[in-house]
Amino acid sequence: QMLALTIHNFLSAATGIALAFALFRGFARRSASGLG
């Protein structure tokens, strides 16, 4: 419960938010090649 499962609860959530940040940067940046 603690190691195999709860670790995913943190990291899968962080992955989702990180990808949202990447898309936000896509809209916000100008003539850029990177997303963070």
Full PDB file with SEQRES, HELIX, SHEET, SSBOND, CRYST1, ORIGX, SCALE, CONECT and MASTER records, all heavy atoms in Angstrom:
SEQRES   1 A   36  GLN MET LEU ALA LEU THR ILE HIS ASN PHE LEU SER ALA          
SEQRES   2 A   36  ALA THR GLY ILE ALA LEU ALA PHE ALA LEU PHE ARG GLY          
SEQRES   3 A   36  PHE ALA ARG ARG SER ALA SER GLY LEU GLY                      
HELIX    1 AA1 THR A    6  ALA A   28  1                                  23    
CRYST1    1.000    1.000    1.000  90.00  90.00  90.00 P 1           1          
ORIGX1      1.000000  0.000000  0.000000        0.00000                         
ORIGX2      0.000000  1.000000  0.000000        0.00000                         
ORIGX3      0.000000  0.000000  1.000000        0.00000                         
SCALE1      1.000000  0.000000  0.000000        0.00000                         
SCALE2      0.000000  1.000000  0.000000        0.00000                         
SCALE3      0.000000  0.000000  1.000000        0.00000                         
ATOM      1  N   GLN A   1       0.829  -1.202   0.000  1.00  0.00           N  
ATOM      2  CA  GLN A   1       0.000   0.000   0.000  1.00  0.00           C  
ATOM      3  C   GLN A   1       0.867   1.256   0.000  1.00  0.00           C  
ATOM      4  O   GLN A   1       0.589   2.223  -0.724  1.00  0.00           O  
ATOM      5  CB  GLN A   1      -0.909   0.007   1.244  1.00  0.00           C  
ATOM      6  CG  GLN A   1      -1.964  -1.093   1.287  1.00  0.00           C  
ATOM      7  CD  GLN A   1      -3.237  -0.713   0.545  1.00  0.00           C  
ATOM      8  OE1 GLN A   1      -3.256   0.223  -0.254  1.00  0.00           O  
ATOM      9  NE2 GLN A   1      -4.306  -1.444   0.798  1.00  0.00           N  
ATOM     10  N   MET A   2       1.935   1.246   0.806  1.00  0.00           N  
ATOM     11  CA  MET A   2       2.743   2.456   0.971  1.00  0.00           C  
ATOM     12  C   MET A   2       3.756   2.662  -0.145  1.00  0.00           C  
ATOM     13  O   MET A   2       3.929   3.775  -0.640  1.00  0.00           O  
ATOM     14  CB  MET A   2       3.475   2.407   2.318  1.00  0.00           C  
ATOM     15  CG  MET A   2       2.571   2.507   3.529  1.00  0.00           C  
ATOM     16  SD  MET A   2       3.494   2.638   5.083  1.00  0.00           S  
ATOM     17  CE  MET A   2       4.302   1.040   5.136  1.00  0.00           C  
ATOM     18  N   LEU A   3       4.441   1.593  -0.535  1.00  0.00           N  
ATOM     19  CA  LEU A   3       5.536   1.731  -1.499  1.00  0.00           C  
ATOM     20  C   LEU A   3       5.077   1.499  -2.929  1.00  0.00           C  
ATOM     21  O   LEU A   3       5.360   2.297  -3.829  1.00  0.00           O  
ATOM     22  CB  LEU A   3       6.661   0.752  -1.149  1.00  0.00           C  
ATOM     23  CG  LEU A   3       7.921   0.825  -2.019  1.00  0.00           C  
ATOM     24  CD1 LEU A   3       8.517   2.232  -1.982  1.00  0.00           C  
ATOM     25  CD2 LEU A   3       8.947  -0.204  -1.562  1.00  0.00           C  
ATOM     26  N   ALA A   4       4.348   0.421  -3.154  1.00  0.00           N  
ATOM     27  CA  ALA A   4       3.954   0.100  -4.527  1.00  0.00           C  
ATOM     28  C   ALA A   4       2.846   1.009  -5.036  1.00  0.00           C  
ATOM     29  O   ALA A   4       2.809   1.343  -6.225  1.00  0.00           O  
ATOM     30  CB  ALA A   4       3.504  -1.365  -4.607  1.00  0.00           C  
ATOM     31  N   LEU A   5       1.921   1.426  -4.146  1.00  0.00           N  
ATOM     32  CA  LEU A   5       0.734   2.153  -4.602  1.00  0.00           C  
ATOM     33  C   LEU A   5       0.786   3.645  -4.292  1.00  0.00           C  
ATOM     34  O   LEU A   5       0.562   4.474  -5.174  1.00  0.00           O  
ATOM     35  CB  LEU A   5      -0.526   1.532  -3.988  1.00  0.00           C  
ATOM     36  CG  LEU A   5      -0.727   0.026  -4.243  1.00  0.00           C  
ATOM     37  CD1 LEU A   5      -2.078  -0.431  -3.705  1.00  0.00           C  
ATOM     38  CD2 LEU A   5      -0.590  -0.321  -5.717  1.00  0.00           C  
ATOM     39  N   THR A   6       1.065   3.998  -3.049  1.00  0.00           N  
ATOM     40  CA  THR A   6       1.008   5.412  -2.682  1.00  0.00           C  
ATOM     41  C   THR A   6       2.049   6.237  -3.436  1.00  0.00           C  
ATOM     42  O   THR A   6       1.817   7.410  -3.751  1.00  0.00           O  
ATOM     43  CB  THR A   6       1.196   5.588  -1.163  1.00  0.00           C  
ATOM     44  OG1 THR A   6       0.193   4.822  -0.483  1.00  0.00           O  
ATOM     45  CG2 THR A   6       1.055   7.042  -0.757  1.00  0.00           C  
ATOM     46  N   ILE A   7       3.187   5.648  -3.752  1.00  0.00           N  
ATOM     47  CA  ILE A   7       4.198   6.379  -4.517  1.00  0.00           C  
ATOM     48  C   ILE A   7       3.641   6.829  -5.866  1.00  0.00           C  
ATOM     49  O   ILE A   7       3.927   7.929  -6.348  1.00  0.00           O  
ATOM     50  CB  ILE A   7       5.477   5.512  -4.690  1.00  0.00           C  
ATOM     51  CG1 ILE A   7       6.608   6.344  -5.294  1.00  0.00           C  
ATOM     52  CG2 ILE A   7       5.211   4.298  -5.584  1.00  0.00           C  
ATOM     53  CD1 ILE A   7       7.930   5.599  -5.336  1.00  0.00           C  
ATOM     54  N   HIS A   8       2.800   5.976  -6.466  1.00  0.00           N  
ATOM     55  CA  HIS A   8       2.168   6.356  -7.738  1.00  0.00           C  
ATOM     56  C   HIS A   8       1.162   7.484  -7.532  1.00  0.00           C  
ATOM     57  O   HIS A   8       0.964   8.315  -8.429  1.00  0.00           O  
ATOM     58  CB  HIS A   8       1.465   5.157  -8.357  1.00  0.00           C  
ATOM     59  CG  HIS A   8       2.381   4.221  -9.075  1.00  0.00           C  
ATOM     60  ND1 HIS A   8       3.062   4.566 -10.211  1.00  0.00           N  
ATOM     61  CD2 HIS A   8       2.728   2.938  -8.820  1.00  0.00           C  
ATOM     62  CE1 HIS A   8       3.797   3.547 -10.633  1.00  0.00           C  
ATOM     63  NE2 HIS A   8       3.619   2.552  -9.790  1.00  0.00           N  
ATOM     64  N   ASN A   9       0.489   7.480  -6.382  1.00  0.00           N  
ATOM     65  CA  ASN A   9      -0.486   8.536  -6.131  1.00  0.00           C  
ATOM     66  C   ASN A   9       0.169   9.916  -6.188  1.00  0.00           C  
ATOM     67  O   ASN A   9      -0.438  10.887  -6.647  1.00  0.00           O  
ATOM     68  CB  ASN A   9      -1.143   8.331  -4.767  1.00  0.00           C  
ATOM     69  CG  ASN A   9      -2.110   7.158  -4.759  1.00  0.00           C  
ATOM     70  OD1 ASN A   9      -2.423   6.600  -5.807  1.00  0.00           O  
ATOM     71  ND2 ASN A   9      -2.576   6.785  -3.585  1.00  0.00           N  
ATOM     72  N   PHE A  10       1.404  10.001  -5.710  1.00  0.00           N  
ATOM     73  CA  PHE A  10       2.146  11.265  -5.805  1.00  0.00           C  
ATOM     74  C   PHE A  10       2.661  11.509  -7.219  1.00  0.00           C  
ATOM     75  O   PHE A  10       2.464  12.580  -7.792  1.00  0.00           O  
ATOM     76  CB  PHE A  10       3.329  11.258  -4.825  1.00  0.00           C  
ATOM     77  CG  PHE A  10       2.943  11.541  -3.406  1.00  0.00           C  
ATOM     78  CD1 PHE A  10       2.713  10.494  -2.519  1.00  0.00           C  
ATOM     79  CD2 PHE A  10       2.801  12.835  -2.951  1.00  0.00           C  
ATOM     80  CE1 PHE A  10       2.354  10.745  -1.205  1.00  0.00           C  
ATOM     81  CE2 PHE A  10       2.447  13.116  -1.638  1.00  0.00           C  
ATOM     82  CZ  PHE A  10       2.225  12.060  -0.756  1.00  0.00           C  
ATOM     83  N   LEU A  11       3.322  10.511  -7.786  1.00  0.00           N  
ATOM     84  CA  LEU A  11       4.061  10.744  -9.028  1.00  0.00           C  
ATOM     85  C   LEU A  11       3.166  10.773 -10.261  1.00  0.00           C  
ATOM     86  O   LEU A  11       3.462  11.494 -11.221  1.00  0.00           O  
ATOM     87  CB  LEU A  11       5.161   9.696  -9.167  1.00  0.00           C  
ATOM     88  CG  LEU A  11       6.222   9.754  -8.054  1.00  0.00           C  
ATOM     89  CD1 LEU A  11       7.251   8.648  -8.227  1.00  0.00           C  
ATOM     90  CD2 LEU A  11       6.907  11.121  -8.022  1.00  0.00           C  
ATOM     91  N   SER A  12       2.076  10.007 -10.261  1.00  0.00           N  
ATOM     92  CA  SER A  12       1.163  10.105 -11.412  1.00  0.00           C  
ATOM     93  C   SER A  12       0.435  11.445 -11.389  1.00  0.00           C  
ATOM     94  O   SER A  12       0.160  12.035 -12.444  1.00  0.00           O  
ATOM     95  CB  SER A  12       0.163   8.944 -11.398  1.00  0.00           C  
ATOM     96  OG  SER A  12      -0.724   9.027 -10.297  1.00  0.00           O  
ATOM     97  N   ALA A  13       0.119  11.947 -10.183  1.00  0.00           N  
ATOM     98  CA  ALA A  13      -0.496  13.267 -10.079  1.00  0.00           C  
ATOM     99  C   ALA A  13       0.472  14.353 -10.532  1.00  0.00           C  
ATOM    100  O   ALA A  13       0.104  15.269 -11.285  1.00  0.00           O  
ATOM    101  CB  ALA A  13      -0.953  13.520  -8.645  1.00  0.00           C  
ATOM    102  N   ALA A  14       1.722  14.259 -10.080  1.00  0.00           N  
ATOM    103  CA  ALA A  14       2.728  15.246 -10.487  1.00  0.00           C  
ATOM    104  C   ALA A  14       2.955  15.203 -11.998  1.00  0.00           C  
ATOM    105  O   ALA A  14       3.159  16.249 -12.636  1.00  0.00           O  
ATOM    106  CB  ALA A  14       4.038  14.984  -9.754  1.00  0.00           C  
ATOM    107  N   THR A  15       2.897  14.005 -12.586  1.00  0.00           N  
ATOM    108  CA  THR A  15       3.054  13.884 -14.036  1.00  0.00           C  
ATOM    109  C   THR A  15       1.966  14.658 -14.768  1.00  0.00           C  
ATOM    110  O   THR A  15       2.236  15.382 -15.734  1.00  0.00           O  
ATOM    111  CB  THR A  15       3.022  12.403 -14.460  1.00  0.00           C  
ATOM    112  OG1 THR A  15       4.126  11.705 -13.874  1.00  0.00           O  
ATOM    113  CG2 THR A  15       3.102  12.266 -15.972  1.00  0.00           C  
ATOM    114  N   GLY A  16       0.719  14.509 -14.313  1.00  0.00           N  
ATOM    115  CA  GLY A  16      -0.389  15.215 -14.957  1.00  0.00           C  
ATOM    116  C   GLY A  16      -0.228  16.719 -14.905  1.00  0.00           C  
ATOM    117  O   GLY A  16      -0.437  17.419 -15.907  1.00  0.00           O  
ATOM    118  N   ILE A  17       0.163  17.245 -13.742  1.00  0.00           N  
ATOM    119  CA  ILE A  17       0.330  18.691 -13.612  1.00  0.00           C  
ATOM    120  C   ILE A  17       1.521  19.169 -14.432  1.00  0.00           C  
ATOM    121  O   ILE A  17       1.481  20.237 -15.059  1.00  0.00           O  
ATOM    122  CB  ILE A  17       0.492  19.086 -12.134  1.00  0.00           C  
ATOM    123  CG1 ILE A  17      -0.673  18.555 -11.293  1.00  0.00           C  
ATOM    124  CG2 ILE A  17       0.546  20.604 -12.007  1.00  0.00           C  
ATOM    125  CD1 ILE A  17      -0.497  18.744  -9.798  1.00  0.00           C  
ATOM    126  N   ALA A  18       2.596  18.379 -14.442  1.00  0.00           N  
ATOM    127  CA  ALA A  18       3.767  18.748 -15.236  1.00  0.00           C  
ATOM    128  C   ALA A  18       3.412  18.862 -16.714  1.00  0.00           C  
ATOM    129  O   ALA A  18       3.876  19.782 -17.412  1.00  0.00           O  
ATOM    130  CB  ALA A  18       4.879  17.713 -15.034  1.00  0.00           C  
ATOM    131  N   LEU A  19       2.591  17.955 -17.214  1.00  0.00           N  
ATOM    132  CA  LEU A  19       2.189  18.007 -18.621  1.00  0.00           C  
ATOM    133  C   LEU A  19       1.304  19.214 -18.903  1.00  0.00           C  
ATOM    134  O   LEU A  19       1.368  19.803 -19.980  1.00  0.00           O  
ATOM    135  CB  LEU A  19       1.477  16.709 -18.991  1.00  0.00           C  
ATOM    136  CG  LEU A  19       2.402  15.479 -18.973  1.00  0.00           C  
ATOM    137  CD1 LEU A  19       1.599  14.200 -18.947  1.00  0.00           C  
ATOM    138  CD2 LEU A  19       3.341  15.497 -20.160  1.00  0.00           C  
ATOM    139  N   ALA A  20       0.464  19.588 -17.923  1.00  0.00           N  
ATOM    140  CA  ALA A  20      -0.318  20.816 -18.075  1.00  0.00           C  
ATOM    141  C   ALA A  20       0.610  22.026 -18.151  1.00  0.00           C  
ATOM    142  O   ALA A  20       0.417  22.923 -18.991  1.00  0.00           O  
ATOM    143  CB  ALA A  20      -1.294  20.958 -16.911  1.00  0.00           C  
ATOM    144  N   PHE A  21       1.634  22.051 -17.311  1.00  0.00           N  
ATOM    145  CA  PHE A  21       2.619  23.137 -17.358  1.00  0.00           C  
ATOM    146  C   PHE A  21       3.280  23.202 -18.740  1.00  0.00           C  
ATOM    147  O   PHE A  21       3.501  24.288 -19.286  1.00  0.00           O  
ATOM    148  CB  PHE A  21       3.688  22.931 -16.287  1.00  0.00           C  
ATOM    149  CG  PHE A  21       3.273  23.338 -14.894  1.00  0.00           C  
ATOM    150  CD1 PHE A  21       1.975  23.769 -14.618  1.00  0.00           C  
ATOM    151  CD2 PHE A  21       4.188  23.296 -13.847  1.00  0.00           C  
ATOM    152  CE1 PHE A  21       1.601  24.144 -13.328  1.00  0.00           C  
ATOM    153  CE2 PHE A  21       3.828  23.678 -12.562  1.00  0.00           C  
ATOM    154  CZ  PHE A  21       2.533  24.094 -12.298  1.00  0.00           C  
ATOM    155  N   ALA A  22       3.624  22.042 -19.283  1.00  0.00           N  
ATOM    156  CA  ALA A  22       4.272  22.011 -20.595  1.00  0.00           C  
ATOM    157  C   ALA A  22       3.363  22.608 -21.665  1.00  0.00           C  
ATOM    158  O   ALA A  22       3.821  23.370 -22.534  1.00  0.00           O  
ATOM    159  CB  ALA A  22       4.651  20.576 -20.955  1.00  0.00           C  
ATOM    160  N   LEU A  23       2.068  22.283 -21.611  1.00  0.00           N  
ATOM    161  CA  LEU A  23       1.132  22.841 -22.590  1.00  0.00           C  
ATOM    162  C   LEU A  23       0.951  24.341 -22.368  1.00  0.00           C  
ATOM    163  O   LEU A  23       0.855  25.109 -23.333  1.00  0.00           O  
ATOM    164  CB  LEU A  23      -0.213  22.121 -22.507  1.00  0.00           C  
ATOM    165  CG  LEU A  23      -1.274  22.548 -23.532  1.00  0.00           C  
ATOM    166  CD1 LEU A  23      -0.758  22.398 -24.958  1.00  0.00           C  
ATOM    167  CD2 LEU A  23      -2.556  21.747 -23.356  1.00  0.00           C  
ATOM    168  N   PHE A  24       0.899  24.758 -21.108  1.00  0.00           N  
ATOM    169  CA  PHE A  24       0.811  26.200 -20.831  1.00  0.00           C  
ATOM    170  C   PHE A  24       1.995  26.936 -21.454  1.00  0.00           C  
ATOM    171  O   PHE A  24       1.844  28.018 -22.034  1.00  0.00           O  
ATOM    172  CB  PHE A  24       0.815  26.466 -19.319  1.00  0.00           C  
ATOM    173  CG  PHE A  24      -0.399  25.953 -18.573  1.00  0.00           C  
ATOM    174  CD1 PHE A  24      -0.463  26.055 -17.188  1.00  0.00           C  
ATOM    175  CD2 PHE A  24      -1.474  25.374 -19.236  1.00  0.00           C  
ATOM    176  CE1 PHE A  24      -1.554  25.595 -16.485  1.00  0.00           C  
ATOM    177  CE2 PHE A  24      -2.581  24.900 -18.545  1.00  0.00           C  
ATOM    178  CZ  PHE A  24      -2.611  25.007 -17.158  1.00  0.00           C  
ATOM    179  N   ARG A  25       3.193  26.354 -21.321  1.00  0.00           N  
ATOM    180  CA  ARG A  25       4.382  26.990 -21.899  1.00  0.00           C  
ATOM    181  C   ARG A  25       4.292  27.038 -23.418  1.00  0.00           C  
ATOM    182  O   ARG A  25       4.789  27.977 -24.052  1.00  0.00           O  
ATOM    183  CB  ARG A  25       5.647  26.243 -21.464  1.00  0.00           C  
ATOM    184  CG  ARG A  25       5.930  26.351 -19.970  1.00  0.00           C  
ATOM    185  CD  ARG A  25       7.228  25.664 -19.587  1.00  0.00           C  
ATOM    186  NE  ARG A  25       7.409  25.679 -18.136  1.00  0.00           N  
ATOM    187  CZ  ARG A  25       7.405  24.600 -17.353  1.00  0.00           C  
ATOM    188  NH1 ARG A  25       7.257  23.401 -17.896  1.00  0.00           N  
ATOM    189  NH2 ARG A  25       7.546  24.711 -16.053  1.00  0.00           N  
ATOM    190  N   GLY A  26       3.661  26.023 -24.002  1.00  0.00           N  
ATOM    191  CA  GLY A  26       3.476  26.037 -25.438  1.00  0.00           C  
ATOM    192  C   GLY A  26       2.664  27.243 -25.888  1.00  0.00           C  
ATOM    193  O   GLY A  26       2.992  27.893 -26.890  1.00  0.00           O  
ATOM    194  N   PHE A  27       1.600  27.566 -25.146  1.00  0.00           N  
ATOM    195  CA  PHE A  27       0.796  28.746 -25.469  1.00  0.00           C  
ATOM    196  C   PHE A  27       1.524  30.040 -25.122  1.00  0.00           C  
ATOM    197  O   PHE A  27       1.378  31.042 -25.827  1.00  0.00           O  
ATOM    198  CB  PHE A  27      -0.531  28.697 -24.695  1.00  0.00           C  
ATOM    199  CG  PHE A  27      -1.562  27.783 -25.296  1.00  0.00           C  
ATOM    200  CD1 PHE A  27      -1.889  26.585 -24.684  1.00  0.00           C  
ATOM    201  CD2 PHE A  27      -2.223  28.130 -26.466  1.00  0.00           C  
ATOM    202  CE1 PHE A  27      -2.850  25.739 -25.219  1.00  0.00           C  
ATOM    203  CE2 PHE A  27      -3.183  27.292 -27.016  1.00  0.00           C  
ATOM    204  CZ  PHE A  27      -3.497  26.091 -26.396  1.00  0.00           C  
ATOM    205  N   ALA A  28       2.312  30.042 -24.048  1.00  0.00           N  
ATOM    206  CA  ALA A  28       2.895  31.284 -23.540  1.00  0.00           C  
ATOM    207  C   ALA A  28       4.187  31.670 -24.237  1.00  0.00           C  
ATOM    208  O   ALA A  28       4.478  32.865 -24.385  1.00  0.00           O  
ATOM    209  CB  ALA A  28       3.143  31.154 -22.038  1.00  0.00           C  
ATOM    210  N   ARG A  29       4.994  30.694 -24.663  1.00  0.00           N  
ATOM    211  CA  ARG A  29       6.302  31.022 -25.230  1.00  0.00           C  
ATOM    212  C   ARG A  29       6.195  31.437 -26.696  1.00  0.00           C  
ATOM    213  O   ARG A  29       5.246  31.083 -27.391  1.00  0.00           O  
ATOM    214  CB  ARG A  29       7.248  29.835 -25.081  1.00  0.00           C  
ATOM    215  CG  ARG A  29       7.596  29.555 -23.619  1.00  0.00           C  
ATOM    216  CD  ARG A  29       8.607  28.447 -23.468  1.00  0.00           C  
ATOM    217  NE  ARG A  29       9.040  28.320 -22.073  1.00  0.00           N  
ATOM    218  CZ  ARG A  29       9.955  27.470 -21.641  1.00  0.00           C  
ATOM    219  NH1 ARG A  29      10.537  26.639 -22.505  1.00  0.00           N  
ATOM    220  NH2 ARG A  29      10.290  27.422 -20.362  1.00  0.00           N  
ATOM    221  N   ARG A  30       7.213  32.134 -27.148  1.00  0.00           N  
ATOM    222  CA  ARG A  30       7.229  32.647 -28.520  1.00  0.00           C  
ATOM    223  C   ARG A  30       8.503  32.204 -29.221  1.00  0.00           C  
ATOM    224  O   ARG A  30       9.608  32.429 -28.713  1.00  0.00           O  
ATOM    225  CB  ARG A  30       7.144  34.176 -28.505  1.00  0.00           C  
ATOM    226  CG  ARG A  30       5.973  34.718 -27.704  1.00  0.00           C  
ATOM    227  CD  ARG A  30       5.982  36.223 -27.633  1.00  0.00           C  
ATOM    228  NE  ARG A  30       4.874  36.728 -26.812  1.00  0.00           N  
ATOM    229  CZ  ARG A  30       4.569  38.001 -26.662  1.00  0.00           C  
ATOM    230  NH1 ARG A  30       5.306  38.924 -27.279  1.00  0.00           N  
ATOM    231  NH2 ARG A  30       3.565  38.371 -25.893  1.00  0.00           N  
ATOM    232  N   SER A  31       8.340  31.567 -30.355  1.00  0.00           N  
ATOM    233  CA  SER A  31       9.474  31.111 -31.172  1.00  0.00           C  
ATOM    234  C   SER A  31      10.473  30.329 -30.332  1.00  0.00           C  
ATOM    235  O   SER A  31      11.685  30.523 -30.426  1.00  0.00           O  
ATOM    236  CB  SER A  31      10.161  32.308 -31.835  1.00  0.00           C  
ATOM    237  OG  SER A  31       9.243  33.041 -32.614  1.00  0.00           O  
ATOM    238  N   ALA A  32       9.973  29.428 -29.500  1.00  0.00           N  
ATOM    239  CA  ALA A  32      10.815  28.652 -28.590  1.00  0.00           C  
ATOM    240  C   ALA A  32      10.846  27.197 -29.033  1.00  0.00           C  
ATOM    241  O   ALA A  32       9.944  26.707 -29.722  1.00  0.00           O  
ATOM    242  CB  ALA A  32      10.286  28.750 -27.163  1.00  0.00           C  
ATOM    243  N   SER A  33      11.894  26.502 -28.622  1.00  0.00           N  
ATOM    244  CA  SER A  33      12.016  25.085 -28.973  1.00  0.00           C  
ATOM    245  C   SER A  33      11.801  24.171 -27.773  1.00  0.00           C  
ATOM    246  O   SER A  33      11.673  22.953 -27.942  1.00  0.00           O  
ATOM    247  CB  SER A  33      13.412  24.813 -29.559  1.00  0.00           C  
ATOM    248  OG  SER A  33      14.420  25.153 -28.613  1.00  0.00           O  
ATOM    249  N   GLY A  34      11.745  24.731 -26.558  1.00  0.00           N  
ATOM    250  CA  GLY A  34      11.628  23.912 -25.354  1.00  0.00           C  
ATOM    251  C   GLY A  34      10.340  24.145 -24.596  1.00  0.00           C  
ATOM    252  O   GLY A  34       9.667  25.169 -24.754  1.00  0.00           O  
ATOM    253  N   LEU A  35      10.007  23.161 -23.731  1.00  0.00           N  
ATOM    254  CA  LEU A  35       8.790  23.220 -22.923  1.00  0.00           C  
ATOM    255  C   LEU A  35       9.089  23.150 -21.430  1.00  0.00           C  
ATOM    256  O   LEU A  35       8.189  22.897 -20.632  1.00  0.00           O  
ATOM    257  CB  LEU A  35       7.854  22.060 -23.297  1.00  0.00           C  
ATOM    258  CG  LEU A  35       7.309  22.039 -24.719  1.00  0.00           C  
ATOM    259  CD1 LEU A  35       6.496  20.767 -24.950  1.00  0.00           C  
ATOM    260  CD2 LEU A  35       6.450  23.280 -24.988  1.00  0.00           C  
ATOM    261  N   GLY A  36      10.341  23.377 -21.044  1.00  0.00           N  
ATOM    262  CA  GLY A  36      10.702  23.234 -19.647  1.00  0.00           C  
ATOM    263  C   GLY A  36      11.442  21.928 -19.407  1.00  0.00           C  
ATOM    264  O   GLY A  36      11.864  21.247 -20.339  1.00  0.00           O  
TER     265      GLY A  36                                                      
MASTER        0    0    0    1    0    0    0    6  264    1    0    3          
END                                                                             
